[in-house]
Structures are given as C-alpha cells and as structure tokens.
Amino acid sequence: MVLNKNKDLKLYYSISEIAQMFDINESTLRFWEKEFDIIQPRRNKKGVRFYKEEDIENIRLIYHLVKERGMTLAGARQKLKNNKRDSEKETEIVDRLKRIKTELLRLKEELDNFEMRNNP
C-alpha cells in the first residue's frame, strides 16, 4: 500500500482512513497504539486521533510483522526494539515485490488478451 505522493497527500489522516488503508478495525489501531509507543497520533480537544505520515509508516511496519509475518505483538515489539531499520528495509522490499507482482500480472493479462485477439 502506497500513498499517492502528489494530489492525495494530506498532513493528517483519520483513524477510519487508516483502518481502511490496512483493512483492519479501528479498535485494532487503538490497541496497537497502546502496545507500540512508535504510534503517536495527534489528538484534538475531543480526543479524535489524527495520524501523520510517520505514524502510517510505523503502522505499516507493525502490520507487516503481525499480519503478514504472523508474529505475536510481543515478538513484533521486540523486533522493532532490537532493529527497527531491518524491519523497515524488509517491509520496503515486500511492498516493492507486491508492486512488481501486480505489474507482472497486469502485463500477463494484456498479453493474453492480445493473443486472443490475434489468434482466433
């Protein structure tokens, strides 16, 4: 998941927007906020959370470790404590590979459509 760096870039995102980005419940985000001190959204006077780009990147790391790699919260917390940079690099690589896979599948579909049109 990559945010559009041009037209859709916002300074702050609501909890519902973040939950939708990662396809998780808002309650999961609130729980992760308590479990991981690297998630620190701003709050207004009413307590409404506003997430910055930095928070989103940290949520992406936690999501990768917990949801994609299947780590426990304690394991993810320890991994981030011991070597956050390695986790960031790993997450970047996985994201890049996902984009490459999507592009390859799109190209395969185009090639299949081309072959069907030219070889009836």
C-alpha atoms as a PDB file:
ATOM      1  CA  MET A   1       0.000   0.000   0.000  1.00  0.00           C
ATOM      2  CA  VAL A   2       1.487   3.292  -1.131  1.00  0.00           C
ATOM      3  CA  LEU A   3       0.043   6.732  -0.619  1.00  0.00           C
ATOM      4  CA  ASN A   4      -0.176   8.950  -3.670  1.00  0.00           C
ATOM      5  CA  LYS A   5       2.636  11.435  -3.156  1.00  0.00           C
ATOM      6  CA  ASN A   6       1.020  14.128  -5.292  1.00  0.00           C
ATOM      7  CA  LYS A   7      -2.640  15.024  -5.280  1.00  0.00           C
ATOM      8  CA  ASP A   8      -3.907  12.929  -2.358  1.00  0.00           C
ATOM      9  CA  LEU A   9      -1.141  13.782   0.099  1.00  0.00           C
ATOM     10  CA  LYS A  10      -2.576  15.023   3.353  1.00  0.00           C
ATOM     11  CA  LEU A  11      -0.909  16.128   6.538  1.00  0.00           C
ATOM     12  CA  TYR A  12      -3.238  14.119   8.753  1.00  0.00           C
ATOM     13  CA  TYR A  13      -5.437  11.071   8.300  1.00  0.00           C
ATOM     14  CA  SER A  14      -8.367   9.969  10.453  1.00  0.00           C
ATOM     15  CA  ILE A  15      -8.476   6.619  12.209  1.00  0.00           C
ATOM     16  CA  SER A  16     -11.160   5.440   9.782  1.00  0.00           C
ATOM     17  CA  GLU A  17      -8.947   6.290   6.788  1.00  0.00           C
ATOM     18  CA  ILE A  18      -6.022   4.384   8.299  1.00  0.00           C
ATOM     19  CA  ALA A  19      -8.209   1.396   9.171  1.00  0.00           C
ATOM     20  CA  GLN A  20      -9.446   1.327   5.575  1.00  0.00           C
ATOM     21  CA  MET A  21      -5.890   1.592   4.171  1.00  0.00           C
ATOM     22  CA  PHE A  22      -4.818  -1.525   6.037  1.00  0.00           C
ATOM     23  CA  ASP A  23      -8.203  -3.282   6.057  1.00  0.00           C
ATOM     24  CA  ILE A  24      -8.231  -3.568   9.845  1.00  0.00           C
ATOM     25  CA  ASN A  25     -10.627  -2.437  12.545  1.00  0.00           C
ATOM     26  CA  GLU A  26     -10.291   0.935  14.234  1.00  0.00           C
ATOM     27  CA  SER A  27     -10.175  -0.939  17.540  1.00  0.00           C
ATOM     28  CA  THR A  28      -7.051  -2.749  16.297  1.00  0.00           C
ATOM     29  CA  LEU A  29      -5.370   0.596  15.652  1.00  0.00           C
ATOM     30  CA  ARG A  30      -6.320   1.860  19.100  1.00  0.00           C
ATOM     31  CA  PHE A  31      -4.964  -1.344  20.634  1.00  0.00           C
ATOM     32  CA  TRP A  32      -1.705  -1.135  18.658  1.00  0.00           C
ATOM     33  CA  GLU A  33      -1.330   2.467  19.799  1.00  0.00           C
ATOM     34  CA  LYS A  34      -1.316   1.221  23.400  1.00  0.00           C
ATOM     35  CA  GLU A  35       1.058  -1.656  22.630  1.00  0.00           C
ATOM     36  CA  PHE A  36       3.586   0.196  20.445  1.00  0.00           C
ATOM     37  CA  ASP A  37       4.975   3.554  21.522  1.00  0.00           C
ATOM     38  CA  ILE A  38       6.047   4.333  17.939  1.00  0.00           C
ATOM     39  CA  ILE A  39       2.415   5.095  17.047  1.00  0.00           C
ATOM     40  CA  GLN A  40       1.621   8.531  18.444  1.00  0.00           C
ATOM     41  CA  PRO A  41      -1.234  10.212  16.597  1.00  0.00           C
ATOM     42  CA  ARG A  42      -2.139  13.753  17.454  1.00  0.00           C
ATOM     43  CA  ARG A  43      -5.445  14.320  19.186  1.00  0.00           C
ATOM     44  CA  ASN A  44      -7.766  17.279  19.231  1.00  0.00           C
ATOM     45  CA  LYS A  45      -9.533  18.530  22.365  1.00  0.00           C
ATOM     46  CA  LYS A  46     -12.231  15.898  21.913  1.00  0.00           C
ATOM     47  CA  GLY A  47      -9.646  13.109  21.701  1.00  0.00           C
ATOM     48  CA  VAL A  48     -10.100  12.466  17.975  1.00  0.00           C
ATOM     49  CA  ARG A  49      -6.933  10.930  16.533  1.00  0.00           C
ATOM     50  CA  PHE A  50      -5.070  12.371  13.548  1.00  0.00           C
ATOM     51  CA  TYR A  51      -2.288  10.258  12.053  1.00  0.00           C
ATOM     52  CA  LYS A  52       0.776  11.701  10.322  1.00  0.00           C
ATOM     53  CA  GLU A  53       2.746  10.038   7.529  1.00  0.00           C
ATOM     54  CA  GLU A  54       5.290   8.864  10.121  1.00  0.00           C
ATOM     55  CA  ASP A  55       2.520   7.118  12.071  1.00  0.00           C
ATOM     56  CA  ILE A  56       1.324   5.429   8.881  1.00  0.00           C
ATOM     57  CA  GLU A  57       4.820   4.111   8.147  1.00  0.00           C
ATOM     58  CA  ASN A  58       5.063   2.742  11.700  1.00  0.00           C
ATOM     59  CA  ILE A  59       1.635   1.118  11.366  1.00  0.00           C
ATOM     60  CA  ARG A  60       2.813  -0.389   8.069  1.00  0.00           C
ATOM     61  CA  LEU A  61       5.782  -1.949   9.903  1.00  0.00           C
ATOM     62  CA  ILE A  62       3.590  -3.367  12.650  1.00  0.00           C
ATOM     63  CA  TYR A  63       1.038  -4.606  10.109  1.00  0.00           C
ATOM     64  CA  HIS A  64       3.791  -6.389   8.171  1.00  0.00           C
ATOM     65  CA  LEU A  65       5.220  -8.064  11.259  1.00  0.00           C
ATOM     66  CA  VAL A  66       1.906  -9.040  12.858  1.00  0.00           C
ATOM     67  CA  LYS A  67      -0.471  -9.656   9.949  1.00  0.00           C
ATOM     68  CA  GLU A  68       1.840 -10.716   7.128  1.00  0.00           C
ATOM     69  CA  ARG A  69       4.624 -12.485   9.027  1.00  0.00           C
ATOM     70  CA  GLY A  70       2.390 -13.793  11.795  1.00  0.00           C
ATOM     71  CA  MET A  71       4.444 -12.514  14.704  1.00  0.00           C
ATOM     72  CA  THR A  72       2.943 -12.012  18.139  1.00  0.00           C
ATOM     73  CA  LEU A  73       2.643  -8.458  19.417  1.00  0.00           C
ATOM     74  CA  ALA A  74       5.432  -9.167  21.900  1.00  0.00           C
ATOM     75  CA  GLY A  75       7.618 -10.558  19.116  1.00  0.00           C
ATOM     76  CA  ALA A  76       6.936  -7.565  16.871  1.00  0.00           C
ATOM     77  CA  ARG A  77       7.630  -5.165  19.740  1.00  0.00           C
ATOM     78  CA  GLN A  78      10.959  -6.919  20.437  1.00  0.00           C
ATOM     79  CA  LYS A  79      11.948  -6.939  16.754  1.00  0.00           C
ATOM     80  CA  LEU A  80      11.245  -3.219  16.441  1.00  0.00           C
ATOM     81  CA  LYS A  81      13.132  -2.535  19.660  1.00  0.00           C
ATOM     82  CA  ASN A  82      16.181  -4.564  18.590  1.00  0.00           C
ATOM     83  CA  ASN A  83      16.434  -3.423  14.991  1.00  0.00           C
ATOM     84  CA  LYS A  84      13.714  -1.216  13.565  1.00  0.00           C
ATOM     85  CA  ARG A  85      15.786  -0.361  10.471  1.00  0.00           C
ATOM     86  CA  ASP A  86      15.959  -4.012   9.352  1.00  0.00           C
ATOM     87  CA  SER A  87      12.193  -4.265   9.699  1.00  0.00           C
ATOM     88  CA  GLU A  88      11.780  -1.082   7.638  1.00  0.00           C
ATOM     89  CA  LYS A  89      14.021  -2.449   4.889  1.00  0.00           C
ATOM     90  CA  GLU A  90      12.197  -5.782   4.886  1.00  0.00           C
ATOM     91  CA  THR A  91       8.820  -4.062   4.655  1.00  0.00           C
ATOM     92  CA  GLU A  92      10.048  -1.876   1.773  1.00  0.00           C
ATOM     93  CA  ILE A  93      11.251  -4.972  -0.087  1.00  0.00           C
ATOM     94  CA  VAL A  94       7.945  -6.794   0.429  1.00  0.00           C
ATOM     95  CA  ASP A  95       5.989  -3.726  -0.755  1.00  0.00           C
ATOM     96  CA  ARG A  96       8.206  -3.438  -3.829  1.00  0.00           C
ATOM     97  CA  LEU A  97       7.775  -7.130  -4.634  1.00  0.00           C
ATOM     98  CA  LYS A  98       3.988  -6.805  -4.315  1.00  0.00           C
ATOM     99  CA  ARG A  99       4.001  -3.905  -6.792  1.00  0.00           C
ATOM    100  CA  ILE A 100       6.179  -5.910  -9.199  1.00  0.00           C
ATOM    101  CA  LYS A 101       3.829  -8.906  -8.931  1.00  0.00           C
ATOM    102  CA  THR A 102       0.820  -6.696  -9.648  1.00  0.00           C
ATOM    103  CA  GLU A 103       2.535  -5.211 -12.689  1.00  0.00           C
ATOM    104  CA  LEU A 104       3.576  -8.627 -13.991  1.00  0.00           C
ATOM    105  CA  LEU A 105       0.032  -9.955 -13.615  1.00  0.00           C
ATOM    106  CA  ARG A 106      -1.287  -6.910 -15.465  1.00  0.00           C
ATOM    107  CA  LEU A 107       1.219  -7.476 -18.291  1.00  0.00           C
ATOM    108  CA  LYS A 108       0.307 -11.168 -18.492  1.00  0.00           C
ATOM    109  CA  GLU A 109      -3.370 -10.269 -18.776  1.00  0.00           C
ATOM    110  CA  GLU A 110      -2.610  -7.794 -21.565  1.00  0.00           C
ATOM    111  CA  LEU A 111      -0.526 -10.392 -23.378  1.00  0.00           C
ATOM    112  CA  ASP A 112      -3.279 -12.998 -23.033  1.00  0.00           C
ATOM    113  CA  ASN A 113      -5.846 -10.504 -24.399  1.00  0.00           C
ATOM    114  CA  PHE A 114      -3.534  -9.627 -27.289  1.00  0.00           C
ATOM    115  CA  GLU A 115      -3.028 -13.289 -28.174  1.00  0.00           C
ATOM    116  CA  MET A 116      -6.777 -13.974 -28.077  1.00  0.00           C
ATOM    117  CA  ARG A 117      -7.472 -11.047 -30.418  1.00  0.00           C
ATOM    118  CA  ASN A 118      -4.766 -12.082 -32.884  1.00  0.00           C
ATOM    119  CA  ASN A 119      -5.208 -15.874 -32.768  1.00  0.00           C
ATOM    120  CA  PRO A 120      -8.931 -16.599 -33.078  1.00  0.00           C
END
